[in-house]
Amino acid sequence: MTFIAYVDRVGFSIAYTKMSDSIGTQQAHKGAVLSSFYWGYATSQIPCAWLASQFGGVRMLTVSMLMSTIVAFITPGKTI
């Protein structure tokens, strides 16, 4: 499961960079979007570590992947 999360994180940055270059997104906007991953990881390290110690790592990974999947499905896509 952690491999899937890693591939998802790396794949997004590559795909977003290519896609945004093709539509002419400004560098500042690309930086803001890509740095949002950093801020998400940085602010969630301590609370998530505490939750993992309380409920177990496998359970927390499962919950986080389910939440990520649900958010991806309910996020509307933009058609070009």
PDB file of N, CA and C in Angstrom:
ATOM      1  N   MET A   1       0.812  -1.182   0.000  1.00  0.00           N
ATOM      2  CA  MET A   1       0.000   0.000   0.000  1.00  0.00           C
ATOM      3  C   MET A   1       0.871   1.267   0.000  1.00  0.00           C
ATOM      4  N   THR A   2       1.967   1.228   0.711  1.00  0.00           N
ATOM      5  CA  THR A   2       2.831   2.403   0.719  1.00  0.00           C
ATOM      6  C   THR A   2       3.466   2.617  -0.652  1.00  0.00           C
ATOM      7  N   PHE A   3       3.684   1.524  -1.393  1.00  0.00           N
ATOM      8  CA  PHE A   3       4.226   1.643  -2.743  1.00  0.00           C
ATOM      9  C   PHE A   3       3.242   2.396  -3.640  1.00  0.00           C
ATOM     10  N   ILE A   4       1.956   2.089  -3.508  1.00  0.00           N
ATOM     11  CA  ILE A   4       0.933   2.778  -4.299  1.00  0.00           C
ATOM     12  C   ILE A   4       0.919   4.263  -3.965  1.00  0.00           C
ATOM     13  N   ALA A   5       1.001   4.591  -2.693  1.00  0.00           N
ATOM     14  CA  ALA A   5       1.013   5.994  -2.276  1.00  0.00           C
ATOM     15  C   ALA A   5       2.248   6.701  -2.826  1.00  0.00           C
ATOM     16  N   TYR A   6       3.379   6.022  -2.820  1.00  0.00           N
ATOM     17  CA  TYR A   6       4.612   6.619  -3.336  1.00  0.00           C
ATOM     18  C   TYR A   6       4.507   6.868  -4.841  1.00  0.00           C
ATOM     19  N   VAL A   7       4.030   5.876  -5.578  1.00  0.00           N
ATOM     20  CA  VAL A   7       3.888   6.014  -7.033  1.00  0.00           C
ATOM     21  C   VAL A   7       2.889   7.123  -7.352  1.00  0.00           C
ATOM     22  N   ASP A   8       1.822   7.213  -6.578  1.00  0.00           N
ATOM     23  CA  ASP A   8       0.825   8.260  -6.780  1.00  0.00           C
ATOM     24  C   ASP A   8       1.436   9.637  -6.574  1.00  0.00           C
ATOM     25  N   ARG A   9       2.214   9.781  -5.544  1.00  0.00           N
ATOM     26  CA  ARG A   9       2.842  11.075  -5.241  1.00  0.00           C
ATOM     27  C   ARG A   9       3.843  11.467  -6.323  1.00  0.00           C
ATOM     28  N   VAL A  10       4.688  10.553  -6.728  1.00  0.00           N
ATOM     29  CA  VAL A  10       5.700  10.842  -7.742  1.00  0.00           C
ATOM     30  C   VAL A  10       5.043  11.037  -9.108  1.00  0.00           C
ATOM     31  N   GLY A  11       4.088  10.188  -9.422  1.00  0.00           N
ATOM     32  CA  GLY A  11       3.409  10.284 -10.711  1.00  0.00           C
ATOM     33  C   GLY A  11       2.672  11.596 -10.894  1.00  0.00           C
ATOM     34  N   PHE A  12       2.063  12.091  -9.818  1.00  0.00           N
ATOM     35  CA  PHE A  12       1.338  13.350  -9.921  1.00  0.00           C
ATOM     36  C   PHE A  12       2.269  14.499 -10.268  1.00  0.00           C
ATOM     37  N   SER A  13       3.410  14.558  -9.611  1.00  0.00           N
ATOM     38  CA  SER A  13       4.315  15.685  -9.871  1.00  0.00           C
ATOM     39  C   SER A  13       4.826  15.672 -11.304  1.00  0.00           C
ATOM     40  N   ILE A  14       5.081  14.499 -11.837  1.00  0.00           N
ATOM     41  CA  ILE A  14       5.547  14.403 -13.224  1.00  0.00           C
ATOM     42  C   ILE A  14       4.422  14.765 -14.187  1.00  0.00           C
ATOM     43  N   ALA A  15       3.247  14.187 -13.967  1.00  0.00           N
ATOM     44  CA  ALA A  15       2.112  14.444 -14.858  1.00  0.00           C
ATOM     45  C   ALA A  15       1.677  15.906 -14.793  1.00  0.00           C
ATOM     46  N   TYR A  16       1.635  16.467 -13.591  1.00  0.00           N
ATOM     47  CA  TYR A  16       1.207  17.856 -13.465  1.00  0.00           C
ATOM     48  C   TYR A  16       2.180  18.805 -14.144  1.00  0.00           C
ATOM     49  N   THR A  17       3.471  18.546 -14.017  1.00  0.00           N
ATOM     50  CA  THR A  17       4.474  19.394 -14.645  1.00  0.00           C
ATOM     51  C   THR A  17       4.325  19.363 -16.163  1.00  0.00           C
ATOM     52  N   LYS A  18       4.176  18.182 -16.731  1.00  0.00           N
ATOM     53  CA  LYS A  18       4.015  18.063 -18.189  1.00  0.00           C
ATOM     54  C   LYS A  18       2.724  18.731 -18.646  1.00  0.00           C
ATOM     55  N   MET A  19       1.632  18.465 -17.933  1.00  0.00           N
ATOM     56  CA  MET A  19       0.341  19.009 -18.327  1.00  0.00           C
ATOM     57  C   MET A  19       0.324  20.533 -18.223  1.00  0.00           C
ATOM     58  N   SER A  20       0.848  21.054 -17.141  1.00  0.00           N
ATOM     59  CA  SER A  20       0.821  22.502 -16.963  1.00  0.00           C
ATOM     60  C   SER A  20       1.742  23.209 -17.949  1.00  0.00           C
ATOM     61  N   ASP A  21       2.828  22.570 -18.342  1.00  0.00           N
ATOM     62  CA  ASP A  21       3.690  23.157 -19.372  1.00  0.00           C
ATOM     63  C   ASP A  21       2.952  23.243 -20.706  1.00  0.00           C
ATOM     64  N   SER A  22       2.137  22.223 -21.002  1.00  0.00           N
ATOM     65  CA  SER A  22       1.451  22.205 -22.291  1.00  0.00           C
ATOM     66  C   SER A  22       0.350  23.249 -22.383  1.00  0.00           C
ATOM     67  N   ILE A  23      -0.194  23.680 -21.238  1.00  0.00           N
ATOM     68  CA  ILE A  23      -1.251  24.697 -21.294  1.00  0.00           C
ATOM     69  C   ILE A  23      -0.756  26.073 -20.867  1.00  0.00           C
ATOM     70  N   GLY A  24       0.521  26.188 -20.559  1.00  0.00           N
ATOM     71  CA  GLY A  24       1.119  27.487 -20.278  1.00  0.00           C
ATOM     72  C   GLY A  24       0.867  28.032 -18.881  1.00  0.00           C
ATOM     73  N   THR A  25       0.829  27.174 -17.897  1.00  0.00           N
ATOM     74  CA  THR A  25       0.637  27.621 -16.520  1.00  0.00           C
ATOM     75  C   THR A  25       1.877  28.372 -16.036  1.00  0.00           C
ATOM     76  N   GLN A  26       1.661  29.423 -15.266  1.00  0.00           N
ATOM     77  CA  GLN A  26       2.778  30.195 -14.728  1.00  0.00           C
ATOM     78  C   GLN A  26       3.556  29.373 -13.708  1.00  0.00           C
ATOM     79  N   GLN A  27       4.839  29.652 -13.617  1.00  0.00           N
ATOM     80  CA  GLN A  27       5.716  28.925 -12.690  1.00  0.00           C
ATOM     81  C   GLN A  27       5.258  29.080 -11.243  1.00  0.00           C
ATOM     82  N   ALA A  28       4.761  30.248 -10.884  1.00  0.00           N
ATOM     83  CA  ALA A  28       4.304  30.474  -9.506  1.00  0.00           C
ATOM     84  C   ALA A  28       3.128  29.572  -9.155  1.00  0.00           C
ATOM     85  N   HIS A  29       2.224  29.388 -10.104  1.00  0.00           N
ATOM     86  CA  HIS A  29       1.074  28.515  -9.848  1.00  0.00           C
ATOM     87  C   HIS A  29       1.508  27.049  -9.740  1.00  0.00           C
ATOM     88  N   LYS A  30       2.427  26.652 -10.617  1.00  0.00           N
ATOM     89  CA  LYS A  30       2.931  25.279 -10.527  1.00  0.00           C
ATOM     90  C   LYS A  30       3.610  25.044  -9.183  1.00  0.00           C
ATOM     91  N   GLY A  31       4.385  26.004  -8.740  1.00  0.00           N
ATOM     92  CA  GLY A  31       5.063  25.865  -7.455  1.00  0.00           C
ATOM     93  C   GLY A  31       4.094  25.774  -6.299  1.00  0.00           C
ATOM     94  N   ALA A  32       3.018  26.558  -6.356  1.00  0.00           N
ATOM     95  CA  ALA A  32       2.023  26.517  -5.278  1.00  0.00           C
ATOM     96  C   ALA A  32       1.315  25.170  -5.222  1.00  0.00           C
ATOM     97  N   VAL A  33       0.957  24.637  -6.378  1.00  0.00           N
ATOM     98  CA  VAL A  33       0.267  23.342  -6.403  1.00  0.00           C
ATOM     99  C   VAL A  33       1.193  22.224  -5.933  1.00  0.00           C
ATOM    100  N   LEU A  34       2.402  22.203  -6.461  1.00  0.00           N
ATOM    101  CA  LEU A  34       3.320  21.123  -6.093  1.00  0.00           C
ATOM    102  C   LEU A  34       3.785  21.239  -4.638  1.00  0.00           C
ATOM    103  N   SER A  35       3.907  22.450  -4.110  1.00  0.00           N
ATOM    104  CA  SER A  35       4.323  22.575  -2.714  1.00  0.00           C
ATOM    105  C   SER A  35       3.201  22.233  -1.741  1.00  0.00           C
ATOM    106  N   SER A  36       1.974  22.179  -2.219  1.00  0.00           N
ATOM    107  CA  SER A  36       0.876  21.798  -1.329  1.00  0.00           C
ATOM    108  C   SER A  36       1.063  20.373  -0.804  1.00  0.00           C
ATOM    109  N   PHE A  37       1.713  19.512  -1.586  1.00  0.00           N
ATOM    110  CA  PHE A  37       2.016  18.172  -1.088  1.00  0.00           C
ATOM    111  C   PHE A  37       2.970  18.243   0.103  1.00  0.00           C
ATOM    112  N   TYR A  38       3.984  19.086  -0.016  1.00  0.00           N
ATOM    113  CA  TYR A  38       4.934  19.238   1.086  1.00  0.00           C
ATOM    114  C   TYR A  38       4.222  19.687   2.349  1.00  0.00           C
ATOM    115  N   TRP A  39       3.398  20.718   2.246  1.00  0.00           N
ATOM    116  CA  TRP A  39       2.710  21.245   3.431  1.00  0.00           C
ATOM    117  C   TRP A  39       1.758  20.221   4.016  1.00  0.00           C
ATOM    118  N   GLY A  40       1.131  19.439   3.174  1.00  0.00           N
ATOM    119  CA  GLY A  40       0.263  18.373   3.678  1.00  0.00           C
ATOM    120  C   GLY A  40       1.037  17.338   4.476  1.00  0.00           C
ATOM    121  N   TYR A  41       2.177  16.923   3.946  1.00  0.00           N
ATOM    122  CA  TYR A  41       3.012  15.966   4.674  1.00  0.00           C
ATOM    123  C   TYR A  41       3.585  16.575   5.950  1.00  0.00           C
ATOM    124  N   ALA A  42       4.066  17.792   5.853  1.00  0.00           N
ATOM    125  CA  ALA A  42       4.717  18.427   7.001  1.00  0.00           C
ATOM    126  C   ALA A  42       3.750  18.627   8.163  1.00  0.00           C
ATOM    127  N   THR A  43       2.535  19.037   7.869  1.00  0.00           N
ATOM    128  CA  THR A  43       1.584  19.302   8.956  1.00  0.00           C
ATOM    129  C   THR A  43       0.911  18.048   9.493  1.00  0.00           C
ATOM    130  N   SER A  44       0.997  16.947   8.762  1.00  0.00           N
ATOM    131  CA  SER A  44       0.304  15.741   9.229  1.00  0.00           C
ATOM    132  C   SER A  44       1.218  14.710   9.883  1.00  0.00           C
ATOM    133  N   GLN A  45       2.511  14.946   9.931  1.00  0.00           N
ATOM    134  CA  GLN A  45       3.433  13.947  10.453  1.00  0.00           C
ATOM    135  C   GLN A  45       3.155  13.581  11.914  1.00  0.00           C
ATOM    136  N   ILE A  46       3.067  14.561  12.778  1.00  0.00           N
ATOM    137  CA  ILE A  46       2.885  14.269  14.206  1.00  0.00           C
ATOM    138  C   ILE A  46       1.490  13.713  14.498  1.00  0.00           C
ATOM    139  N   PRO A  47       0.405  14.340  14.021  1.00  0.00           N
ATOM    140  CA  PRO A  47      -0.920  13.757  14.303  1.00  0.00           C
ATOM    141  C   PRO A  47      -1.086  12.355  13.730  1.00  0.00           C
ATOM    142  N   CYS A  48      -0.582  12.131  12.528  1.00  0.00           N
ATOM    143  CA  CYS A  48      -0.739  10.809  11.919  1.00  0.00           C
ATOM    144  C   CYS A  48       0.126   9.760  12.606  1.00  0.00           C
ATOM    145  N   ALA A  49       1.296  10.145  13.077  1.00  0.00           N
ATOM    146  CA  ALA A  49       2.134   9.202  13.827  1.00  0.00           C
ATOM    147  C   ALA A  49       1.442   8.804  15.125  1.00  0.00           C
ATOM    148  N   TRP A  50       0.805   9.758  15.774  1.00  0.00           N
ATOM    149  CA  TRP A  50       0.077   9.445  17.003  1.00  0.00           C
ATOM    150  C   TRP A  50      -1.090   8.512  16.700  1.00  0.00           C
ATOM    151  N   LEU A  51      -1.838   8.797  15.634  1.00  0.00           N
ATOM    152  CA  LEU A  51      -2.957   7.927  15.262  1.00  0.00           C
ATOM    153  C   LEU A  51      -2.480   6.524  14.898  1.00  0.00           C
ATOM    154  N   ALA A  52      -1.351   6.427  14.194  1.00  0.00           N
ATOM    155  CA  ALA A  52      -0.805   5.118  13.829  1.00  0.00           C
ATOM    156  C   ALA A  52      -0.375   4.336  15.065  1.00  0.00           C
ATOM    157  N   SER A  53       0.146   5.027  16.075  1.00  0.00           N
ATOM    158  CA  SER A  53       0.536   4.315  17.295  1.00  0.00           C
ATOM    159  C   SER A  53      -0.691   3.869  18.088  1.00  0.00           C
ATOM    160  N   GLN A  54      -1.787   4.593  17.953  1.00  0.00           N
ATOM    161  CA  GLN A  54      -3.013   4.226  18.670  1.00  0.00           C
ATOM    162  C   GLN A  54      -3.790   3.120  17.957  1.00  0.00           C
ATOM    163  N   PHE A  55      -3.881   3.184  16.629  1.00  0.00           N
ATOM    164  CA  PHE A  55      -4.754   2.278  15.877  1.00  0.00           C
ATOM    165  C   PHE A  55      -4.015   1.303  14.969  1.00  0.00           C
ATOM    166  N   GLY A  56      -2.719   1.462  14.815  1.00  0.00           N
ATOM    167  CA  GLY A  56      -1.939   0.556  13.967  1.00  0.00           C
ATOM    168  C   GLY A  56      -1.673   1.156  12.599  1.00  0.00           C
ATOM    169  N   GLY A  57      -0.501   0.868  12.090  1.00  0.00           N
ATOM    170  CA  GLY A  57      -0.078   1.427  10.811  1.00  0.00           C
ATOM    171  C   GLY A  57      -0.891   0.943   9.632  1.00  0.00           C
ATOM    172  N   VAL A  58      -1.208  -0.348   9.602  1.00  0.00           N
ATOM    173  CA  VAL A  58      -1.962  -0.894   8.478  1.00  0.00           C
ATOM    174  C   VAL A  58      -3.356  -0.274   8.419  1.00  0.00           C
ATOM    175  N   ARG A  59      -3.989  -0.144   9.550  1.00  0.00           N
ATOM    176  CA  ARG A  59      -5.323   0.453   9.582  1.00  0.00           C
ATOM    177  C   ARG A  59      -5.277   1.907   9.119  1.00  0.00           C
ATOM    178  N   MET A  60      -4.268   2.650   9.555  1.00  0.00           N
ATOM    179  CA  MET A  60      -4.169   4.053   9.160  1.00  0.00           C
ATOM    180  C   MET A  60      -3.852   4.201   7.672  1.00  0.00           C
ATOM    181  N   LEU A  61      -2.987   3.335   7.135  1.00  0.00           N
ATOM    182  CA  LEU A  61      -2.725   3.367   5.697  1.00  0.00           C
ATOM    183  C   LEU A  61      -3.983   3.050   4.900  1.00  0.00           C
ATOM    184  N   THR A  62      -4.754   2.091   5.377  1.00  0.00           N
ATOM    185  CA  THR A  62      -6.000   1.736   4.702  1.00  0.00           C
ATOM    186  C   THR A  62      -6.971   2.909   4.705  1.00  0.00           C
ATOM    187  N   VAL A  63      -7.138   3.533   5.852  1.00  0.00           N
ATOM    188  CA  VAL A  63      -8.042   4.677   5.959  1.00  0.00           C
ATOM    189  C   VAL A  63      -7.565   5.828   5.076  1.00  0.00           C
ATOM    190  N   SER A  64      -6.269   6.095   5.080  1.00  0.00           N
ATOM    191  CA  SER A  64      -5.764   7.219   4.279  1.00  0.00           C
ATOM    192  C   SER A  64      -5.920   6.950   2.784  1.00  0.00           C
ATOM    193  N   MET A  65      -5.699   5.718   2.350  1.00  0.00           N
ATOM    194  CA  MET A  65      -5.886   5.402   0.934  1.00  0.00           C
ATOM    195  C   MET A  65      -7.357   5.484   0.542  1.00  0.00           C
ATOM    196  N   LEU A  66      -8.244   5.044   1.422  1.00  0.00           N
ATOM    197  CA  LEU A  66      -9.678   5.161   1.138  1.00  0.00           C
ATOM    198  C   LEU A  66     -10.106   6.620   1.055  1.00  0.00           C
ATOM    199  N   MET A  67      -9.607   7.437   1.972  1.00  0.00           N
ATOM    200  CA  MET A  67      -9.941   8.855   1.938  1.00  0.00           C
ATOM    201  C   MET A  67      -9.410   9.504   0.659  1.00  0.00           C
ATOM    202  N   SER A  68      -8.212   9.158   0.262  1.00  0.00           N
ATOM    203  CA  SER A  68      -7.629   9.703  -0.960  1.00  0.00           C
ATOM    204  C   SER A  68      -8.454   9.297  -2.181  1.00  0.00           C
ATOM    205  N   THR A  69      -8.903   8.056  -2.209  1.00  0.00           N
ATOM    206  CA  THR A  69      -9.715   7.565  -3.322  1.00  0.00           C
ATOM    207  C   THR A  69     -11.057   8.289  -3.381  1.00  0.00           C
ATOM    208  N   ILE A  70     -11.689   8.462  -2.233  1.00  0.00           N
ATOM    209  CA  ILE A  70     -12.987   9.143  -2.190  1.00  0.00           C
ATOM    210  C   ILE A  70     -12.853  10.589  -2.655  1.00  0.00           C
ATOM    211  N   VAL A  71     -11.825  11.279  -2.178  1.00  0.00           N
ATOM    212  CA  VAL A  71     -11.619  12.668  -2.588  1.00  0.00           C
ATOM    213  C   VAL A  71     -11.338  12.754  -4.087  1.00  0.00           C
ATOM    214  N   ALA A  72     -10.581  11.797  -4.627  1.00  0.00           N
ATOM    215  CA  ALA A  72     -10.293  11.804  -6.059  1.00  0.00           C
ATOM    216  C   ALA A  72     -11.565  11.611  -6.875  1.00  0.00           C
ATOM    217  N   PHE A  73     -12.479  10.771  -6.386  1.00  0.00           N
ATOM    218  CA  PHE A  73     -13.727  10.543  -7.125  1.00  0.00           C
ATOM    219  C   PHE A  73     -14.681  11.726  -7.051  1.00  0.00           C
ATOM    220  N   ILE A  74     -14.683  12.457  -5.946  1.00  0.00           N
ATOM    221  CA  ILE A  74     -15.629  13.556  -5.842  1.00  0.00           C
ATOM    222  C   ILE A  74     -15.070  14.878  -6.344  1.00  0.00           C
ATOM    223  N   THR A  75     -13.784  14.913  -6.670  1.00  0.00           N
ATOM    224  CA  THR A  75     -13.179  16.126  -7.219  1.00  0.00           C
ATOM    225  C   THR A  75     -13.538  16.214  -8.693  1.00  0.00           C
ATOM    226  N   PRO A  76     -14.185  17.294  -9.086  1.00  0.00           N
ATOM    227  CA  PRO A  76     -14.577  17.380 -10.495  1.00  0.00           C
ATOM    228  C   PRO A  76     -13.369  17.582 -11.393  1.00  0.00           C
ATOM    229  N   GLY A  77     -13.414  17.000 -12.544  1.00  0.00           N
ATOM    230  CA  GLY A  77     -12.341  17.165 -13.502  1.00  0.00           C
ATOM    231  C   GLY A  77     -12.631  18.309 -14.454  1.00  0.00           C
ATOM    232  N   LYS A  78     -11.597  18.872 -14.996  1.00  0.00           N
ATOM    233  CA  LYS A  78     -11.756  19.960 -15.954  1.00  0.00           C
ATOM    234  C   LYS A  78     -11.504  19.393 -17.352  1.00  0.00           C
ATOM    235  N   THR A  79     -12.444  19.609 -18.231  1.00  0.00           N
ATOM    236  CA  THR A  79     -12.262  19.154 -19.595  1.00  0.00           C
ATOM    237  C   THR A  79     -11.706  20.289 -20.426  1.00  0.00           C
ATOM    238  N   ILE A  80     -10.803  19.951 -21.289  1.00  0.00           N
ATOM    239  CA  ILE A  80     -10.159  20.972 -22.132  1.00  0.00           C
ATOM    240  C   ILE A  80     -10.874  21.036 -23.465  1.00  0.00           C
TER     241      ILE A  80
END
